[in-house]
N, C-alpha and C. Protein backbone atom coordinates (compact mmCIF):
# COMPACT_ATOMS: atom_id res chain seq x y z
N UNK A 1 3.90 -4.16 19.98
CA UNK A 1 3.91 -5.13 20.92
C UNK A 1 2.73 -5.46 21.97
N UNK A 2 1.84 -5.59 21.96
CA UNK A 2 0.63 -5.03 22.70
C UNK A 2 0.82 -4.53 24.25
N UNK A 3 0.10 -3.50 24.91
CA UNK A 3 0.45 -3.15 26.04
C UNK A 3 -0.02 -4.63 26.89
N UNK A 4 0.32 -4.48 27.98
CA UNK A 4 0.27 -5.60 29.17
C UNK A 4 -0.25 -4.86 30.25
N UNK A 5 -1.43 -5.38 30.54
CA UNK A 5 -2.30 -4.92 31.50
C UNK A 5 -2.75 -5.98 32.52
N UNK A 6 -2.95 -5.68 33.74
CA UNK A 6 -2.80 -6.65 34.81
C UNK A 6 -4.13 -6.38 35.72
N UNK A 7 -5.02 -7.10 35.74
CA UNK A 7 -6.17 -6.89 36.57
C UNK A 7 -6.13 -7.69 37.72
N UNK A 8 -6.25 -7.03 39.15
CA UNK A 8 -6.08 -7.27 40.47
C UNK A 8 -7.40 -7.65 40.92
N UNK A 9 -8.13 -7.91 41.14
CA UNK A 9 -9.77 -8.00 41.86
C UNK A 9 -10.06 -9.68 42.38
N UNK A 10 -10.35 -9.86 43.30
CA UNK A 10 -10.62 -10.96 44.08
C UNK A 10 -11.75 -11.74 43.65
N UNK A 11 -12.65 -10.71 42.29
CA UNK A 11 -13.67 -11.68 41.82
C UNK A 11 -13.39 -11.78 40.56
N UNK A 12 -13.59 -13.61 40.47
CA UNK A 12 -13.72 -13.93 38.59
C UNK A 12 -14.09 -13.50 37.44
N UNK A 13 -15.24 -13.20 38.49
CA UNK A 13 -16.55 -12.75 37.19
C UNK A 13 -16.36 -11.27 36.70
N UNK A 14 -15.99 -10.38 37.87
CA UNK A 14 -15.16 -9.16 37.49
C UNK A 14 -13.98 -8.77 36.66
N UNK A 15 -13.32 -9.84 37.07
CA UNK A 15 -11.81 -9.80 35.91
C UNK A 15 -12.61 -10.08 34.80
N UNK A 16 -13.25 -11.33 34.89
CA UNK A 16 -13.59 -11.75 33.43
C UNK A 16 -13.95 -10.49 32.48
N UNK A 17 -15.45 -9.91 33.14
CA UNK A 17 -16.27 -9.04 32.53
C UNK A 17 -15.04 -7.57 32.19
N UNK A 18 -14.53 -7.38 32.84
CA UNK A 18 -13.33 -6.64 32.39
C UNK A 18 -12.53 -6.68 31.51
N UNK A 19 -11.90 -7.87 31.63
CA UNK A 19 -11.12 -8.41 30.56
C UNK A 19 -11.98 -8.26 29.02
N UNK A 20 -13.30 -8.65 29.05
CA UNK A 20 -13.72 -8.52 27.95
C UNK A 20 -13.91 -7.04 27.85
N UNK A 21 -14.20 -6.44 28.36
CA UNK A 21 -14.59 -5.11 28.13
C UNK A 21 -13.22 -4.27 27.08
N UNK A 22 -11.81 -5.04 27.53
CA UNK A 22 -10.88 -4.58 27.19
C UNK A 22 -10.08 -4.78 25.59
N UNK A 23 -10.92 -6.35 25.79
CA UNK A 23 -10.72 -6.83 24.47
C UNK A 23 -11.28 -6.24 23.55
N UNK A 24 -12.73 -6.23 23.88
CA UNK A 24 -13.55 -5.10 22.99
C UNK A 24 -13.33 -3.99 22.34
N UNK A 25 -12.24 -3.35 22.97
CA UNK A 25 -12.00 -2.26 22.47
C UNK A 25 -10.74 -1.87 21.83
N UNK A 26 -9.76 -3.00 21.82
CA UNK A 26 -8.57 -2.80 20.83
C UNK A 26 -7.85 -4.05 20.93
N UNK A 27 -6.99 -4.35 19.69
CA UNK A 27 -6.20 -5.79 19.79
C UNK A 27 -4.79 -5.58 20.00
N UNK A 28 -4.61 -4.28 20.86
CA UNK A 28 -3.14 -3.91 21.04
C UNK A 28 -3.02 -4.14 22.65
N UNK A 29 -3.88 -4.80 23.34
CA UNK A 29 -3.79 -5.20 24.91
C UNK A 29 -3.39 -6.52 25.16
N UNK A 30 -2.56 -7.03 25.91
CA UNK A 30 -2.46 -7.98 26.47
C UNK A 30 -3.51 -8.27 28.10
N UNK A 31 -3.85 -8.81 28.34
CA UNK A 31 -4.46 -9.02 29.52
C UNK A 31 -4.31 -9.77 30.45
N UNK A 32 -3.55 -9.96 31.70
CA UNK A 32 -3.69 -11.01 32.41
C UNK A 32 -4.44 -10.73 33.71
N UNK A 33 -4.56 -11.97 34.93
CA UNK A 33 -5.15 -12.09 35.89
C UNK A 33 -4.68 -12.33 36.79
N UNK A 34 -4.95 -11.36 38.35
CA UNK A 34 -4.36 -11.65 39.45
C UNK A 34 -5.36 -11.86 40.52
N UNK A 35 -5.10 -12.72 41.39
CA UNK A 35 -6.64 -12.55 42.75
C UNK A 35 -6.40 -11.86 43.49
N UNK A 36 -4.80 -11.83 44.05
CA UNK A 36 -4.43 -11.09 44.70
C UNK A 36 -3.15 -10.69 44.88
N UNK A 37 -2.56 -9.78 45.90
CA UNK A 37 -1.13 -9.03 45.63
C UNK A 37 -0.08 -10.04 45.57
N UNK A 38 -0.10 -11.21 46.50
CA UNK A 38 0.72 -12.07 46.35
C UNK A 38 1.09 -12.55 44.30
N UNK A 39 -0.27 -12.78 43.94
CA UNK A 39 -0.24 -13.56 42.56
C UNK A 39 0.28 -12.14 41.82
N UNK A 40 0.10 -11.13 42.13
CA UNK A 40 0.27 -9.85 41.31
C UNK A 40 2.01 -9.85 40.98
N UNK A 41 2.49 -9.96 42.51
CA UNK A 41 3.97 -9.67 42.75
C UNK A 41 4.58 -10.92 42.24
N UNK A 42 4.30 -11.96 42.20
CA UNK A 42 4.83 -13.01 41.17
C UNK A 42 4.52 -12.50 39.98
N UNK A 43 3.62 -12.09 39.32
CA UNK A 43 3.50 -11.89 37.74
C UNK A 43 4.65 -11.01 37.53
N UNK A 44 4.79 -9.90 38.51
CA UNK A 44 5.74 -8.79 38.41
C UNK A 44 7.18 -9.16 38.40
N UNK A 45 7.37 -9.67 39.43
CA UNK A 45 8.56 -10.43 39.76
C UNK A 45 9.36 -11.32 38.19
N UNK A 46 8.43 -11.93 37.81
CA UNK A 46 8.79 -12.66 36.89
C UNK A 46 9.10 -11.83 35.16
N UNK A 47 7.72 -10.87 35.35
CA UNK A 47 8.10 -9.81 34.22
C UNK A 47 7.61 -8.29 34.59
N UNK A 48 8.74 -7.37 34.89
CA UNK A 48 8.49 -6.14 35.40
C UNK A 48 8.07 -4.97 34.20
N UNK A 49 8.13 -5.73 32.96
CA UNK A 49 7.61 -4.66 31.71
C UNK A 49 5.96 -4.85 31.94
N UNK A 50 5.70 -3.91 32.65
CA UNK A 50 3.94 -3.86 32.61
C UNK A 50 3.73 -2.51 32.50
N UNK A 51 2.55 -2.27 31.56
CA UNK A 51 2.21 -1.19 31.23
C UNK A 51 1.15 -0.24 32.26
N UNK A 52 0.55 -1.25 33.01
CA UNK A 52 -0.82 -0.56 33.42
C UNK A 52 -1.39 -1.94 35.00
N UNK A 53 -1.72 -1.51 36.07
CA UNK A 53 -2.00 -2.31 37.27
C UNK A 53 -3.50 -1.81 37.61
N UNK A 54 -4.40 -2.85 37.06
CA UNK A 54 -5.86 -2.20 37.66
C UNK A 54 -5.80 -2.90 39.02
N UNK A 55 -6.15 -2.31 40.23
CA UNK A 55 -6.14 -2.80 41.08
C UNK A 55 -7.44 -2.67 41.78
N UNK A 56 -8.29 -3.41 42.75
CA UNK A 56 -9.32 -3.30 43.39
C UNK A 56 -8.95 -2.71 44.39
N UNK A 57 -9.56 -1.57 45.14
CA UNK A 57 -9.52 -0.87 46.61
C UNK A 57 -10.11 -1.46 47.52
N UNK A 58 -11.02 -3.12 47.01
CA UNK A 58 -11.40 -3.40 48.05
C UNK A 58 -11.57 -5.16 48.04
N UNK A 59 -10.15 -5.41 48.76
CA UNK A 59 -10.02 -6.79 48.71
C UNK A 59 -9.75 -7.43 49.85
N UNK A 60 -10.07 -8.24 50.24
CA UNK A 60 -10.34 -9.45 51.87
C UNK A 60 -8.51 -9.08 52.26
N UNK A 61 -8.60 -9.17 53.17
CA UNK A 61 -7.40 -9.09 54.22
C UNK A 61 -6.44 -7.50 54.08
N UNK A 62 -6.98 -6.71 53.45
CA UNK A 62 -6.71 -5.33 53.95
C UNK A 62 -5.37 -4.59 52.96
N UNK A 63 -5.55 -4.99 51.48
CA UNK A 63 -4.92 -4.61 50.40
C UNK A 63 -5.11 -3.95 49.60
N UNK A 64 -5.80 -2.85 50.04
CA UNK A 64 -6.61 -1.77 49.15
C UNK A 64 -5.38 -0.40 49.42
N UNK A 65 -5.70 0.04 50.37
CA UNK A 65 -4.88 1.43 50.23
C UNK A 65 -3.34 1.11 50.29
N UNK A 66 -2.61 -0.11 51.37
CA UNK A 66 -1.81 -0.18 51.90
C UNK A 66 -1.21 -0.69 50.53
N UNK A 67 -1.81 -1.64 50.22
CA UNK A 67 -1.61 -2.54 48.91
C UNK A 67 -0.89 -1.65 47.73
N UNK A 68 -1.76 -0.46 47.60
CA UNK A 68 -1.39 0.64 46.44
C UNK A 68 0.12 0.91 47.04
N UNK A 69 0.10 1.43 47.96
CA UNK A 69 1.23 1.97 48.89
C UNK A 69 2.36 1.19 48.88
N UNK A 70 2.14 0.05 49.08
CA UNK A 70 3.38 -0.85 48.78
C UNK A 70 3.60 -1.31 47.09
N UNK A 71 3.22 -1.14 46.35
CA UNK A 71 2.80 -1.29 45.30
C UNK A 71 3.61 0.13 44.05
N UNK A 72 3.52 1.04 44.74
CA UNK A 72 4.14 2.24 44.29
C UNK A 72 5.42 2.18 44.95
N UNK A 73 5.63 1.81 45.64
CA UNK A 73 6.89 1.65 46.33
C UNK A 73 8.02 0.72 45.89
N UNK A 74 7.46 -0.91 45.68
CA UNK A 74 8.04 -1.75 45.08
C UNK A 74 8.19 -1.63 43.53
N UNK A 75 7.54 -1.22 43.00
CA UNK A 75 7.24 -0.67 41.48
C UNK A 75 6.93 0.30 40.67
N UNK A 76 7.63 1.53 41.12
CA UNK A 76 7.28 2.88 40.69
C UNK A 76 7.14 3.15 39.19
N UNK A 77 8.19 2.30 38.60
CA UNK A 77 7.93 2.26 37.22
C UNK A 77 6.26 2.05 36.57
N UNK A 78 5.34 1.09 37.43
CA UNK A 78 4.58 0.67 36.77
C UNK A 78 2.86 1.50 37.25
N UNK A 79 2.25 1.95 36.15
CA UNK A 79 1.38 2.70 36.94
C UNK A 79 0.21 2.26 37.46
N UNK A 80 -0.13 2.65 38.27
CA UNK A 80 -1.48 1.81 39.21
C UNK A 80 -2.80 2.69 39.05
N UNK A 81 -3.71 1.72 38.45
CA UNK A 81 -5.00 2.69 38.60
C UNK A 81 -5.89 1.54 39.17
N UNK A 82 -6.67 2.47 40.36
CA UNK A 82 -7.85 1.73 41.10
C UNK A 82 -8.99 1.65 40.09
N UNK A 83 -9.20 0.62 40.95
CA UNK A 83 -10.94 0.40 40.10
C UNK A 83 -11.80 -0.08 41.64
N UNK A 84 -12.66 0.58 41.78
CA UNK A 84 -13.42 0.24 42.80
C UNK A 84 -15.14 0.62 43.03
N UNK A 85 -15.95 0.56 43.90
CA UNK A 85 -17.23 0.59 43.97
C UNK A 85 -17.21 2.15 44.97
N UNK A 86 -16.35 2.34 45.70
CA UNK A 86 -16.16 3.71 46.39
C UNK A 86 -16.22 4.58 45.91
N UNK A 87 -17.19 5.33 45.94
CA UNK A 87 -16.93 6.72 45.16
C UNK A 87 -17.24 8.09 45.98
N UNK A 88 -16.44 7.83 47.29
CA UNK A 88 -16.10 9.08 48.07
C UNK A 88 -15.37 10.05 48.07
N UNK A 89 -15.40 10.97 47.27
CA UNK A 89 -14.38 12.12 46.66
C UNK A 89 -12.92 12.20 47.73
N UNK A 90 -13.33 12.25 48.74
CA UNK A 90 -11.99 12.41 49.60
C UNK A 90 -10.86 10.92 50.11
N UNK A 91 -11.54 9.92 49.19
CA UNK A 91 -10.79 8.77 49.43
C UNK A 91 -10.03 8.44 47.95
N UNK A 92 -10.92 8.91 47.28
CA UNK A 92 -10.14 9.20 45.64
C UNK A 92 -9.27 9.78 45.51
N UNK A 93 -9.22 11.12 46.46
CA UNK A 93 -8.16 11.87 46.53
C UNK A 93 -6.99 11.10 46.82
N UNK A 94 -7.05 10.84 48.10
CA UNK A 94 -6.25 9.87 49.07
C UNK A 94 -5.34 8.96 47.82
N UNK A 95 -5.90 8.05 47.32
CA UNK A 95 -5.34 7.12 45.91
C UNK A 95 -4.49 7.83 45.32
N UNK A 96 -4.69 9.33 44.87
CA UNK A 96 -4.10 10.17 43.95
C UNK A 96 -2.73 10.56 44.72
N UNK A 97 -3.31 10.97 45.85
CA UNK A 97 -1.87 11.69 47.15
C UNK A 97 -1.21 10.54 47.05
N UNK A 98 -1.48 8.60 47.43
CA UNK A 98 -0.70 7.91 47.19
C UNK A 98 0.05 7.35 45.85
N UNK A 99 -0.09 7.87 44.64
CA UNK A 99 0.67 8.03 43.59
C UNK A 99 -0.20 7.33 42.53
N UNK A 100 -1.69 7.23 42.46
CA UNK A 100 -2.43 6.33 41.84
C UNK A 100 -2.62 7.31 40.31
N UNK A 101 -2.26 6.10 39.30
CA UNK A 101 -2.42 7.35 37.78
C UNK A 101 -3.93 7.76 37.27
N UNK A 102 -4.78 6.73 38.24
CA UNK A 102 -6.29 6.81 37.99
C UNK A 102 -6.86 6.04 38.91
N UNK A 103 -8.23 6.05 38.82
CA UNK A 103 -9.26 5.84 39.66
C UNK A 103 -10.76 5.88 38.77
N UNK A 104 -10.72 4.37 38.62
CA UNK A 104 -11.94 4.10 37.55
C UNK A 104 -12.77 3.45 38.51
N UNK A 105 -14.52 4.14 39.05
CA UNK A 105 -15.58 3.77 39.52
C UNK A 105 -16.26 2.38 39.02
N UNK A 106 -16.37 1.11 39.57
CA UNK A 106 -17.20 0.26 38.80
C UNK A 106 -18.58 0.35 38.42
N UNK A 107 -19.02 1.88 38.67
CA UNK A 107 -20.09 2.01 37.86
C UNK A 107 -20.23 2.69 36.67
N UNK A 108 -18.92 2.13 36.26
CA UNK A 108 -18.96 3.30 34.75
C UNK A 108 -19.15 1.83 33.56
N UNK A 109 -19.45 2.91 32.34
CA UNK A 109 -19.60 1.80 31.50
C UNK A 109 -18.67 1.63 30.49
N UNK A 110 -18.39 0.51 29.52
CA UNK A 110 -17.73 0.07 29.12
C UNK A 110 -16.70 0.95 28.59
N UNK A 111 -17.05 1.95 27.59
CA UNK A 111 -16.83 3.03 26.82
C UNK A 111 -16.01 3.79 27.83
N UNK A 112 -16.51 4.22 28.85
CA UNK A 112 -15.73 5.28 29.79
C UNK A 112 -14.48 4.29 30.65
N UNK A 113 -14.98 3.10 30.65
CA UNK A 113 -14.02 2.36 31.14
C UNK A 113 -12.67 2.30 30.24
N UNK A 114 -12.82 2.20 28.88
CA UNK A 114 -11.81 1.95 27.62
C UNK A 114 -11.51 3.52 27.67
N UNK A 115 -12.13 4.66 27.94
CA UNK A 115 -11.58 5.59 27.48
C UNK A 115 -10.59 6.00 28.73
N UNK A 116 -11.09 5.79 29.94
CA UNK A 116 -9.97 6.11 31.29
C UNK A 116 -9.05 5.27 30.84
N UNK A 117 -8.76 4.13 30.72
CA UNK A 117 -7.36 3.30 30.53
C UNK A 117 -6.78 3.86 29.51
N UNK A 118 -7.29 4.51 28.54
CA UNK A 118 -6.46 4.51 27.32
C UNK A 118 -5.84 6.18 27.74
N UNK A 119 -6.31 7.17 28.42
CA UNK A 119 -5.86 8.34 29.11
C UNK A 119 -4.71 7.96 30.05
N UNK A 120 -4.70 6.82 31.00
CA UNK A 120 -3.27 6.59 31.87
C UNK A 120 -2.54 6.01 30.79
N UNK A 121 -2.64 4.91 30.03
CA UNK A 121 -1.49 4.39 28.82
C UNK A 121 -0.87 5.49 27.93
N UNK A 122 -1.36 6.58 27.73
CA UNK A 122 -0.93 7.77 27.60
C UNK A 122 -0.06 8.31 27.95
N UNK A 123 -0.38 8.16 29.55
CA UNK A 123 0.62 8.69 30.28
C UNK A 123 0.17 9.96 30.84
N UNK A 124 -1.25 10.32 31.25
CA UNK A 124 -2.05 11.52 31.40
C UNK A 124 -2.70 10.24 32.67
N UNK A 125 -3.13 11.22 33.83
CA UNK A 125 -3.76 10.64 34.90
C UNK A 125 -5.41 10.58 34.63
N UNK A 126 -5.82 9.74 35.00
CA UNK A 126 -7.77 9.76 34.69
C UNK A 126 -8.56 10.11 36.30
N UNK A 127 -9.12 11.33 36.07
CA UNK A 127 -9.61 11.43 37.52
C UNK A 127 -11.14 11.22 37.20
N UNK A 128 -11.86 10.70 37.99
CA UNK A 128 -13.60 10.76 37.71
C UNK A 128 -14.06 12.01 37.60
N UNK A 129 -15.09 11.92 36.85
CA UNK A 129 -15.86 13.01 36.83
C UNK A 129 -16.43 14.08 38.14
N UNK A 130 -16.26 15.13 38.25
CA UNK A 130 -16.66 15.60 39.64
C UNK A 130 -15.78 16.01 40.38
N UNK A 131 -14.73 15.20 40.72
CA UNK A 131 -13.48 15.05 41.47
C UNK A 131 -12.60 16.36 41.34
N UNK A 132 -11.98 16.65 42.49
CA UNK A 132 -11.37 18.19 42.50
C UNK A 132 -9.53 17.73 43.23
N UNK A 133 -8.74 17.42 42.48
CA UNK A 133 -7.45 17.15 43.48
C UNK A 133 -7.09 18.31 43.53
N UNK A 134 -7.44 19.63 43.75
CA UNK A 134 -6.80 20.69 44.08
C UNK A 134 -6.82 21.17 45.42
N UNK A 135 -5.64 21.60 46.21
CA UNK A 135 -5.85 22.25 47.54
C UNK A 135 -5.07 21.16 48.35
N UNK A 136 -4.77 21.31 49.47
CA UNK A 136 -3.97 20.25 50.46
C UNK A 136 -4.27 20.65 51.66
N UNK A 137 -4.07 19.35 52.42
CA UNK A 137 -4.48 19.76 53.77
C UNK A 137 -3.46 18.72 54.92
N UNK A 138 -3.71 18.72 55.94
CA UNK A 138 -2.56 17.78 56.69
C UNK A 138 -2.67 16.24 56.52
N UNK A 139 -4.09 15.76 56.33
CA UNK A 139 -3.59 14.33 55.78
C UNK A 139 -3.01 13.88 54.49
N UNK A 140 -3.39 15.04 53.50
CA UNK A 140 -2.47 14.90 52.47
C UNK A 140 -0.69 15.02 52.56
N UNK A 141 -0.19 15.69 53.72
CA UNK A 141 0.94 15.98 53.72
C UNK A 141 1.61 14.59 54.53
N UNK A 142 0.54 14.21 55.48
CA UNK A 142 0.67 12.64 56.11
C UNK A 142 1.38 11.47 55.12
N UNK A 143 -0.11 11.61 54.11
CA UNK A 143 0.01 10.63 52.85
C UNK A 143 0.96 10.87 52.19
N UNK A 144 1.86 11.73 51.83
CA UNK A 144 3.26 11.69 51.35
C UNK A 144 4.14 11.45 52.17
N UNK A 145 3.98 11.76 53.83
CA UNK A 145 5.22 11.23 54.36
C UNK A 145 4.92 9.50 54.57
N UNK A 146 3.81 8.92 54.16
CA UNK A 146 3.85 7.45 54.39
C UNK A 146 4.55 7.13 52.91
N UNK A 147 4.77 7.67 51.69
CA UNK A 147 4.55 7.22 50.42
C UNK A 147 6.33 7.54 50.55
N UNK A 148 7.21 8.33 51.22
CA UNK A 148 8.45 7.60 51.47
C UNK A 148 8.90 6.81 52.24
N UNK A 149 8.28 5.62 52.47
CA UNK A 149 8.74 4.27 53.03
C UNK A 149 9.10 3.47 52.17
N UNK A 150 10.09 2.93 52.20
CA UNK A 150 10.77 1.82 51.25
C UNK A 150 9.82 0.51 51.38
N UNK A 151 9.73 -0.36 50.67
CA UNK A 151 9.26 -1.69 50.38
C UNK A 151 8.96 -2.15 51.65
N UNK A 152 10.24 -2.42 51.96
CA UNK A 152 10.56 -3.53 53.44
C UNK A 152 9.93 -2.28 54.56
N UNK A 153 10.23 -1.34 54.72
CA UNK A 153 9.37 -0.18 55.66
C UNK A 153 7.92 -0.18 55.91
N UNK A 154 7.22 -0.34 54.67
CA UNK A 154 5.81 -0.75 54.61
C UNK A 154 5.20 -1.91 55.00
N UNK A 155 6.53 -3.00 54.94
CA UNK A 155 5.91 -4.34 55.39
C UNK A 155 5.85 -4.51 56.44
N UNK A 156 7.04 -3.71 57.12
CA UNK A 156 7.34 -3.84 59.01
C UNK A 156 5.87 -2.92 59.51
N UNK A 157 5.68 -1.91 58.92
CA UNK A 157 4.39 -1.00 59.23
C UNK A 157 3.29 -1.89 59.12
N UNK A 158 2.85 -2.56 58.42
CA UNK A 158 2.03 -3.56 58.24
C UNK A 158 1.83 -4.44 59.43
N UNK A 159 3.05 -5.35 59.37
CA UNK A 159 3.24 -6.23 60.46
C UNK A 159 3.02 -5.70 62.31
N UNK A 160 3.52 -4.55 61.98
CA UNK A 160 3.06 -3.68 63.33
C UNK A 160 1.87 -3.25 63.58
N UNK A 161 1.02 -2.90 62.42
CA UNK A 161 -0.33 -2.93 62.78
C UNK A 161 -0.96 -4.29 63.22
N UNK A 162 -0.20 -5.39 62.63
CA UNK A 162 -0.71 -6.78 63.39
C UNK A 162 -0.70 -6.83 64.33
N UNK A 163 0.16 -6.24 65.37
CA UNK A 163 0.31 -6.93 66.61
C UNK A 163 1.76 -7.72 66.66
N UNK A 164 2.28 -7.55 65.54
CA UNK A 164 3.82 -8.46 66.23
C UNK A 164 4.98 -8.42 66.34
N UNK A 165 5.24 -8.43 66.93
CA UNK A 165 6.52 -8.36 68.02
C UNK A 165 8.09 -8.06 66.98
N UNK A 166 8.88 -7.48 67.53
CA UNK A 166 10.17 -7.56 66.67
C UNK A 166 10.82 -9.21 66.28
N UNK A 167 10.76 -9.75 66.84
CA UNK A 167 11.48 -11.12 66.80
C UNK A 167 10.21 -11.66 65.73
N UNK A 168 9.29 -11.79 65.77
CA UNK A 168 8.26 -12.14 64.59
C UNK A 168 8.41 -11.27 63.37
N UNK A 169 8.55 -10.59 63.31
CA UNK A 169 8.65 -9.40 61.97
C UNK A 169 10.17 -10.00 61.52
N UNK A 170 10.84 -9.94 62.54
CA UNK A 170 12.65 -10.45 61.53
C UNK A 170 12.28 -12.05 61.21
N UNK A 171 11.37 -12.81 61.59
CA UNK A 171 11.35 -14.19 61.10
C UNK A 171 10.61 -14.43 60.18
N UNK A 172 9.66 -13.56 60.17
CA UNK A 172 8.70 -13.24 58.62
C UNK A 172 9.16 -13.02 57.50
N UNK A 173 10.20 -11.68 57.95
CA UNK A 173 10.64 -10.81 56.73
C UNK A 173 12.26 -11.63 56.47
N UNK A 174 12.94 -12.68 57.08
CA UNK A 174 14.12 -13.31 56.93
C UNK A 174 14.94 -12.36 57.35
N UNK A 175 15.08 -11.74 58.25
CA UNK A 175 16.03 -10.16 58.90
C UNK A 175 16.21 -10.92 60.07
N UNK A 176 17.44 -9.88 60.65
CA UNK A 176 17.53 -9.57 61.97
C UNK A 176 16.69 -8.74 62.51
N UNK A 177 16.94 -9.00 64.00
CA UNK A 177 15.82 -8.28 65.05
C UNK A 177 16.28 -6.72 65.08
N UNK A 178 17.91 -6.35 65.00
CA UNK A 178 18.44 -5.50 64.73
C UNK A 178 18.35 -4.66 63.91
N UNK A 179 18.13 -5.17 62.71
CA UNK A 179 17.26 -4.97 61.34
C UNK A 179 16.14 -4.22 61.34
N UNK A 180 14.96 -5.20 61.97
CA UNK A 180 13.73 -5.06 62.16
C UNK A 180 13.63 -3.74 62.64
N UNK A 181 14.31 -3.17 64.28
CA UNK A 181 14.79 -1.99 65.07
C UNK A 181 14.68 -0.88 64.12
N UNK A 182 16.32 -0.74 63.44
CA UNK A 182 16.09 -0.24 62.39
C UNK A 182 15.33 0.59 61.55
N UNK A 183 14.60 -0.40 61.05
CA UNK A 183 13.90 -0.24 60.16
C UNK A 183 12.44 0.80 61.02
N UNK A 184 11.78 0.38 62.12
CA UNK A 184 11.38 0.86 63.31
C UNK A 184 11.69 2.06 63.39
N UNK A 185 12.63 2.54 63.98
CA UNK A 185 13.39 3.46 63.81
C UNK A 185 13.15 4.44 62.91
N UNK A 186 13.47 4.25 61.39
CA UNK A 186 13.07 5.27 60.42
C UNK A 186 11.95 5.20 60.19
N UNK A 187 11.17 4.42 60.39
CA UNK A 187 9.60 4.61 60.01
C UNK A 187 8.93 6.09 61.04
N UNK A 188 9.23 5.50 62.42
CA UNK A 188 9.16 6.73 63.33
C UNK A 188 9.85 7.82 62.76
N UNK A 189 10.91 8.16 62.42
CA UNK A 189 11.10 9.35 61.83
C UNK A 189 10.38 9.82 60.61
N UNK A 190 10.28 8.93 59.80
CA UNK A 190 9.58 9.75 58.35
C UNK A 190 8.00 9.91 58.46
N UNK A 191 7.71 9.14 59.60
CA UNK A 191 6.17 9.77 59.81
C UNK A 191 6.10 10.66 60.50
N UNK A 192 7.00 11.33 61.66
CA UNK A 192 7.43 12.30 62.58
C UNK A 192 6.00 11.75 63.65
N UNK A 193 6.52 10.48 64.51
CA UNK A 193 5.57 9.71 65.51
C UNK A 193 7.02 9.33 66.35
N UNK A 194 6.42 9.63 67.69
CA UNK A 194 7.51 9.38 68.65
C UNK A 194 7.23 7.51 69.11
N UNK A 195 6.11 6.72 68.87
CA UNK A 195 6.01 5.42 69.16
C UNK A 195 5.78 4.72 68.61
N UNK A 196 5.76 3.06 68.63
CA UNK A 196 5.51 2.21 67.82
C UNK A 196 3.93 2.11 67.68
N UNK A 197 3.43 2.73 69.37
CA UNK A 197 1.75 2.88 69.03
C UNK A 197 0.71 4.25 68.63
N UNK A 198 1.78 5.01 67.99
CA UNK A 198 1.39 6.17 67.38
C UNK A 198 1.82 5.66 65.65
N UNK A 199 3.04 4.57 65.98
CA UNK A 199 3.15 4.40 64.11
C UNK A 199 1.77 3.03 63.53
N UNK A 200 1.37 2.28 64.73
CA UNK A 200 0.58 1.77 64.42
C UNK A 200 -1.14 2.22 64.26
N UNK A 201 -1.12 3.17 65.14
CA UNK A 201 -2.32 4.30 64.61
C UNK A 201 -2.16 4.93 63.24
N UNK A 202 -0.76 4.99 62.90
CA UNK A 202 -0.65 5.76 61.39
C UNK A 202 -1.27 4.74 60.21
N UNK A 203 -0.52 3.32 60.71
CA UNK A 203 -1.15 2.41 59.92
C UNK A 203 -2.45 2.08 59.39
N UNK A 204 -3.11 1.74 60.90
CA UNK A 204 -4.85 1.72 60.51
C UNK A 204 -4.88 2.69 59.87
N UNK A 205 -4.46 3.87 59.55
CA UNK A 205 -5.13 5.05 58.28
C UNK A 205 -5.11 4.59 57.42
N UNK A 206 -4.41 3.72 57.02
CA UNK A 206 -4.15 2.89 55.31
C UNK A 206 -4.73 1.53 55.19
N UNK A 207 -5.14 1.00 56.36
CA UNK A 207 -5.47 -0.52 56.31
C UNK A 207 -7.21 -0.58 55.21
N UNK A 208 -7.28 -1.21 54.28
CA UNK A 208 -8.14 -1.59 53.99
C UNK A 208 -9.73 -1.73 54.34
N UNK A 209 -10.72 -0.73 54.10
CA UNK A 209 -11.92 -0.67 54.76
C UNK A 209 -11.76 0.07 55.76
N UNK A 210 -10.30 0.90 56.25
CA UNK A 210 -10.56 1.66 57.49
C UNK A 210 -11.02 2.99 56.62
N UNK A 211 -11.88 3.41 56.11
CA UNK A 211 -11.98 4.88 55.21
C UNK A 211 -12.13 5.93 56.58
N UNK A 212 -12.68 5.72 57.27
CA UNK A 212 -13.13 6.70 58.56
C UNK A 212 -11.71 6.92 58.95
N UNK A 213 -10.66 6.19 59.41
CA UNK A 213 -9.81 6.63 59.70
C UNK A 213 -8.84 7.22 58.97
N UNK A 214 -8.93 7.32 57.23
CA UNK A 214 -8.03 7.15 56.42
C UNK A 214 -8.59 8.99 56.30
N UNK A 215 -9.59 9.08 56.35
CA UNK A 215 -9.95 10.60 56.07
C UNK A 215 -10.07 11.80 57.15
N UNK A 216 -9.48 11.27 58.48
CA UNK A 216 -9.20 11.78 59.68
C UNK A 216 -8.09 12.73 59.28
N UNK A 217 -8.11 14.43 59.32
CA UNK A 217 -7.07 15.39 59.74
C UNK A 217 -5.89 15.26 60.45
């Protein structure tokens, strides 16, 4: 049975090029495409049997780092490999802290792409050359706390960062305000912060494009 791979990138030309690269390596891969996280979620809800998601780290709408966090929480059984033009070693390390199975710089050639994907499909992690995952720091500990949030708590945290009030969040998620308050309390406890403001600052660290905040220790 072919391995199912879903490419998530907002650029159709890049998706097509990556699909062609994968098709040229083996006949044992079935490639699907999604232009954003909503399309990916629809594909996974229709069929959760997926061998690998290739997720662009830099998509419009703030769904890179936070998108990885949500995917790992909602579909922990599905490996996620980041594809990105960003080659900062600290950013790469943070994606592994959040549970990425691999990181694929967009600058690498077709042979290296197929090799990295084969590595992840075999159950191992694929780390770019020259990047070390050794050691730990305060930010790594914070990332691990983020990873303890449930999918719904991640959604609430992202909405808090967008400035939504409890009533608005409740409407958007079709839940009660009391449930929103319970989620907020749990978020504060898990992130070890004392207020909604501190939680929003925490959320800003994982918003797509906010790499400077992400790297603050």
